[in-house]
Amino acid sequence: MSGPKTVVRRGFAGGGVATLLLAGLFVVGGESGAVSTLVPAGWLGAVGVTLLLAGTRERLAIAGRPVGWPRVAAVGVCLLAAGCGGFGLTQLDEFATGSVPWLLTAALTVFVMGYFGWFARECWTGGRLLDEETFAVE
């Protein structure tokens, strides 16, 4: 495995573990059965499992077809982007429109969704702007 590929794969594995731990905190610390607990815990669980699989498995058999780790990672990062965007949009109701906190939350939401969307595309295509060797499937 190349150096950048090792860093990216370990990052996905570590990020998956951290996300699963965060999902566990939602389950343990939240109200049992409340939608406000189940939705973030389910979303974080799905992201964590997907990123952990991308970081630890070279290929996955999905519907009888082998899928390389970059595509699995792209799905996980896309889920992360969608959830972060949804969370950011729900937080905009907390602030007065046009206030500094509202503008910062809106800007951060757009930036995070754009960055994660770009990185998901890089993973899916195998590196258009990043080094192709980073996303090689052996």
C-alpha atoms as a PDB file:
ATOM      1  CA  MET A   1       0.000   0.000   0.000  1.00  0.00           C
ATOM      2  CA  SER A   2       1.257   3.471  -0.844  1.00  0.00           C
ATOM      3  CA  GLY A   3       1.852   6.102   1.835  1.00  0.00           C
ATOM      4  CA  PRO A   4      -1.121   8.367   1.036  1.00  0.00           C
ATOM      5  CA  LYS A   5      -3.411   5.364   0.628  1.00  0.00           C
ATOM      6  CA  THR A   6      -2.413   4.062   4.056  1.00  0.00           C
ATOM      7  CA  VAL A   7      -3.115   7.451   5.622  1.00  0.00           C
ATOM      8  CA  VAL A   8      -6.531   7.728   3.969  1.00  0.00           C
ATOM      9  CA  ARG A   9      -7.563   4.163   4.854  1.00  0.00           C
ATOM     10  CA  ARG A  10      -6.458   4.558   8.489  1.00  0.00           C
ATOM     11  CA  GLY A  11      -8.326   7.851   8.601  1.00  0.00           C
ATOM     12  CA  PHE A  12     -11.497   6.161   7.407  1.00  0.00           C
ATOM     13  CA  ALA A  13     -11.094   3.359   9.949  1.00  0.00           C
ATOM     14  CA  GLY A  14     -10.432   5.795  12.798  1.00  0.00           C
ATOM     15  CA  GLY A  15     -13.237   8.082  11.703  1.00  0.00           C
ATOM     16  CA  GLY A  16     -15.600   5.115  11.539  1.00  0.00           C
ATOM     17  CA  VAL A  17     -14.722   4.034  15.079  1.00  0.00           C
ATOM     18  CA  ALA A  18     -15.079   7.592  16.402  1.00  0.00           C
ATOM     19  CA  THR A  19     -18.429   8.012  14.671  1.00  0.00           C
ATOM     20  CA  LEU A  20     -19.706   4.715  16.074  1.00  0.00           C
ATOM     21  CA  LEU A  21     -18.644   5.811  19.555  1.00  0.00           C
ATOM     22  CA  LEU A  22     -20.502   9.084  19.079  1.00  0.00           C
ATOM     23  CA  ALA A  23     -23.596   7.180  17.944  1.00  0.00           C
ATOM     24  CA  GLY A  24     -23.300   5.069  21.098  1.00  0.00           C
ATOM     25  CA  LEU A  25     -23.225   8.236  23.211  1.00  0.00           C
ATOM     26  CA  PHE A  26     -26.486   9.347  21.613  1.00  0.00           C
ATOM     27  CA  VAL A  27     -28.063   6.004  22.482  1.00  0.00           C
ATOM     28  CA  VAL A  28     -26.743   5.900  26.060  1.00  0.00           C
ATOM     29  CA  GLY A  29     -27.265   9.571  26.908  1.00  0.00           C
ATOM     30  CA  GLY A  30     -30.528  10.260  25.117  1.00  0.00           C
ATOM     31  CA  GLU A  31     -34.145   9.568  25.868  1.00  0.00           C
ATOM     32  CA  SER A  32     -35.044   5.998  24.968  1.00  0.00           C
ATOM     33  CA  GLY A  33     -37.214   5.800  21.864  1.00  0.00           C
ATOM     34  CA  ALA A  34     -37.194   9.553  21.186  1.00  0.00           C
ATOM     35  CA  VAL A  35     -36.924  10.554  17.550  1.00  0.00           C
ATOM     36  CA  SER A  36     -34.416  13.245  18.515  1.00  0.00           C
ATOM     37  CA  THR A  37     -32.136  10.430  19.712  1.00  0.00           C
ATOM     38  CA  LEU A  38     -32.829   7.700  17.165  1.00  0.00           C
ATOM     39  CA  VAL A  39     -32.336   9.774  14.002  1.00  0.00           C
ATOM     40  CA  PRO A  40     -28.843  11.096  14.816  1.00  0.00           C
ATOM     41  CA  ALA A  41     -27.799   7.757  16.308  1.00  0.00           C
ATOM     42  CA  GLY A  42     -28.957   5.885  13.197  1.00  0.00           C
ATOM     43  CA  TRP A  43     -27.302   8.376  10.872  1.00  0.00           C
ATOM     44  CA  LEU A  44     -24.020   8.310  12.798  1.00  0.00           C
ATOM     45  CA  GLY A  45     -24.185   4.506  12.993  1.00  0.00           C
ATOM     46  CA  ALA A  46     -24.623   4.207   9.219  1.00  0.00           C
ATOM     47  CA  VAL A  47     -21.760   6.626   8.575  1.00  0.00           C
ATOM     48  CA  GLY A  48     -19.522   4.870  11.110  1.00  0.00           C
ATOM     49  CA  VAL A  49     -20.109   1.381   9.743  1.00  0.00           C
ATOM     50  CA  THR A  50     -19.585   2.522   6.165  1.00  0.00           C
ATOM     51  CA  LEU A  51     -16.346   4.364   6.945  1.00  0.00           C
ATOM     52  CA  LEU A  52     -15.053   1.516   9.113  1.00  0.00           C
ATOM     53  CA  LEU A  53     -15.692  -0.973   6.301  1.00  0.00           C
ATOM     54  CA  ALA A  54     -13.977   1.323   3.792  1.00  0.00           C
ATOM     55  CA  GLY A  55     -10.967   1.608   6.076  1.00  0.00           C
ATOM     56  CA  THR A  56     -10.605  -2.090   6.863  1.00  0.00           C
ATOM     57  CA  ARG A  57     -11.739  -3.972   3.744  1.00  0.00           C
ATOM     58  CA  GLU A  58     -10.198  -3.755   0.298  1.00  0.00           C
ATOM     59  CA  ARG A  59     -13.379  -4.985  -1.393  1.00  0.00           C
ATOM     60  CA  LEU A  60     -16.944  -5.713  -0.304  1.00  0.00           C
ATOM     61  CA  ALA A  61     -19.389  -8.037  -2.021  1.00  0.00           C
ATOM     62  CA  ILE A  62     -22.604  -6.070  -2.478  1.00  0.00           C
ATOM     63  CA  ALA A  63     -25.408  -7.823  -4.350  1.00  0.00           C
ATOM     64  CA  GLY A  64     -22.900 -10.375  -5.617  1.00  0.00           C
ATOM     65  CA  ARG A  65     -20.578  -7.762  -7.130  1.00  0.00           C
ATOM     66  CA  PRO A  66     -17.236  -6.730  -5.667  1.00  0.00           C
ATOM     67  CA  VAL A  67     -17.123  -3.052  -4.751  1.00  0.00           C
ATOM     68  CA  GLY A  68     -13.791  -1.391  -4.001  1.00  0.00           C
ATOM     69  CA  TRP A  69     -13.160   0.530  -0.809  1.00  0.00           C
ATOM     70  CA  PRO A  70     -13.160   3.991  -2.479  1.00  0.00           C
ATOM     71  CA  ARG A  71     -16.775   3.582  -3.566  1.00  0.00           C
ATOM     72  CA  VAL A  72     -17.798   2.407  -0.096  1.00  0.00           C
ATOM     73  CA  ALA A  73     -15.986   5.419   1.363  1.00  0.00           C
ATOM     74  CA  ALA A  74     -17.768   7.714  -1.096  1.00  0.00           C
ATOM     75  CA  VAL A  75     -21.136   6.479   0.153  1.00  0.00           C
ATOM     76  CA  GLY A  76     -20.076   7.021   3.772  1.00  0.00           C
ATOM     77  CA  VAL A  77     -18.763  10.529   3.121  1.00  0.00           C
ATOM     78  CA  CYS A  78     -21.907  11.369   1.134  1.00  0.00           C
ATOM     79  CA  LEU A  79     -24.060  10.212   4.068  1.00  0.00           C
ATOM     80  CA  LEU A  80     -21.927  12.377   6.330  1.00  0.00           C
ATOM     81  CA  ALA A  81     -22.402  15.400   4.055  1.00  0.00           C
ATOM     82  CA  ALA A  82     -26.164  14.934   3.873  1.00  0.00           C
ATOM     83  CA  GLY A  83     -26.504  14.588   7.623  1.00  0.00           C
ATOM     84  CA  CYS A  84     -24.269  17.554   8.368  1.00  0.00           C
ATOM     85  CA  GLY A  85     -26.239  19.650   5.912  1.00  0.00           C
ATOM     86  CA  GLY A  86     -29.551  18.606   7.437  1.00  0.00           C
ATOM     87  CA  PHE A  87     -28.292  19.350  10.926  1.00  0.00           C
ATOM     88  CA  GLY A  88     -26.931  22.739   9.860  1.00  0.00           C
ATOM     89  CA  LEU A  89     -30.197  23.694   8.197  1.00  0.00           C
ATOM     90  CA  THR A  90     -32.204  22.784  11.307  1.00  0.00           C
ATOM     91  CA  GLN A  91     -29.913  24.993  13.399  1.00  0.00           C
ATOM     92  CA  LEU A  92     -30.691  28.044  11.261  1.00  0.00           C
ATOM     93  CA  ASP A  93     -34.139  28.279  12.904  1.00  0.00           C
ATOM     94  CA  GLU A  94     -32.461  28.955  16.257  1.00  0.00           C
ATOM     95  CA  PHE A  95     -31.044  32.326  15.174  1.00  0.00           C
ATOM     96  CA  ALA A  96     -32.516  35.532  13.817  1.00  0.00           C
ATOM     97  CA  THR A  97     -32.173  35.658  10.052  1.00  0.00           C
ATOM     98  CA  GLY A  98     -29.189  37.744   9.023  1.00  0.00           C
ATOM     99  CA  SER A  99     -27.560  37.758  12.447  1.00  0.00           C
ATOM    100  CA  VAL A 100     -23.875  36.878  12.830  1.00  0.00           C
ATOM    101  CA  PRO A 101     -24.539  33.378  14.286  1.00  0.00           C
ATOM    102  CA  TRP A 102     -27.028  32.677  11.486  1.00  0.00           C
ATOM    103  CA  LEU A 103     -24.538  33.754   8.816  1.00  0.00           C
ATOM    104  CA  LEU A 104     -21.723  31.717  10.383  1.00  0.00           C
ATOM    105  CA  THR A 105     -23.938  28.630  10.631  1.00  0.00           C
ATOM    106  CA  ALA A 106     -25.105  29.038   7.035  1.00  0.00           C
ATOM    107  CA  ALA A 107     -21.544  29.541   5.773  1.00  0.00           C
ATOM    108  CA  LEU A 108     -20.210  26.580   7.751  1.00  0.00           C
ATOM    109  CA  THR A 109     -23.048  24.360   6.534  1.00  0.00           C
ATOM    110  CA  VAL A 110     -22.413  25.252   2.901  1.00  0.00           C
ATOM    111  CA  PHE A 111     -18.650  24.790   3.296  1.00  0.00           C
ATOM    112  CA  VAL A 112     -18.943  21.405   5.026  1.00  0.00           C
ATOM    113  CA  MET A 113     -21.466  20.083   2.498  1.00  0.00           C
ATOM    114  CA  GLY A 114     -19.323  21.294  -0.386  1.00  0.00           C
ATOM    115  CA  TYR A 115     -16.094  19.856   1.009  1.00  0.00           C
ATOM    116  CA  PHE A 116     -17.587  16.481   1.885  1.00  0.00           C
ATOM    117  CA  GLY A 117     -19.388  16.372  -1.460  1.00  0.00           C
ATOM    118  CA  TRP A 118     -16.134  17.063  -3.289  1.00  0.00           C
ATOM    119  CA  PHE A 119     -14.272  14.418  -1.291  1.00  0.00           C
ATOM    120  CA  ALA A 120     -17.060  11.870  -1.911  1.00  0.00           C
ATOM    121  CA  ARG A 121     -16.739  12.543  -5.636  1.00  0.00           C
ATOM    122  CA  GLU A 122     -12.961  12.107  -5.431  1.00  0.00           C
ATOM    123  CA  CYS A 123     -13.447   8.762  -3.716  1.00  0.00           C
ATOM    124  CA  TRP A 124     -16.111   7.638  -6.193  1.00  0.00           C
ATOM    125  CA  THR A 125     -14.079   8.548  -9.287  1.00  0.00           C
ATOM    126  CA  GLY A 126     -10.798   7.262  -7.897  1.00  0.00           C
ATOM    127  CA  GLY A 127      -9.050  10.601  -7.701  1.00  0.00           C
ATOM    128  CA  ARG A 128      -9.687  13.243 -10.331  1.00  0.00           C
ATOM    129  CA  LEU A 129      -7.779  15.998  -8.549  1.00  0.00           C
ATOM    130  CA  LEU A 130      -6.013  13.885  -5.931  1.00  0.00           C
ATOM    131  CA  ASP A 131      -3.395  11.263  -6.692  1.00  0.00           C
ATOM    132  CA  GLU A 132      -4.966   8.208  -8.348  1.00  0.00           C
ATOM    133  CA  GLU A 133      -2.567   5.938  -6.472  1.00  0.00           C
ATOM    134  CA  THR A 134      -4.252   6.992  -3.217  1.00  0.00           C
ATOM    135  CA  PHE A 135      -7.515   5.366  -4.317  1.00  0.00           C
ATOM    136  CA  ALA A 136      -6.058   2.245  -5.937  1.00  0.00           C
ATOM    137  CA  VAL A 137      -7.836  -1.036  -5.213  1.00  0.00           C
ATOM    138  CA  GLU A 138      -5.439  -3.972  -5.108  1.00  0.00           C
END
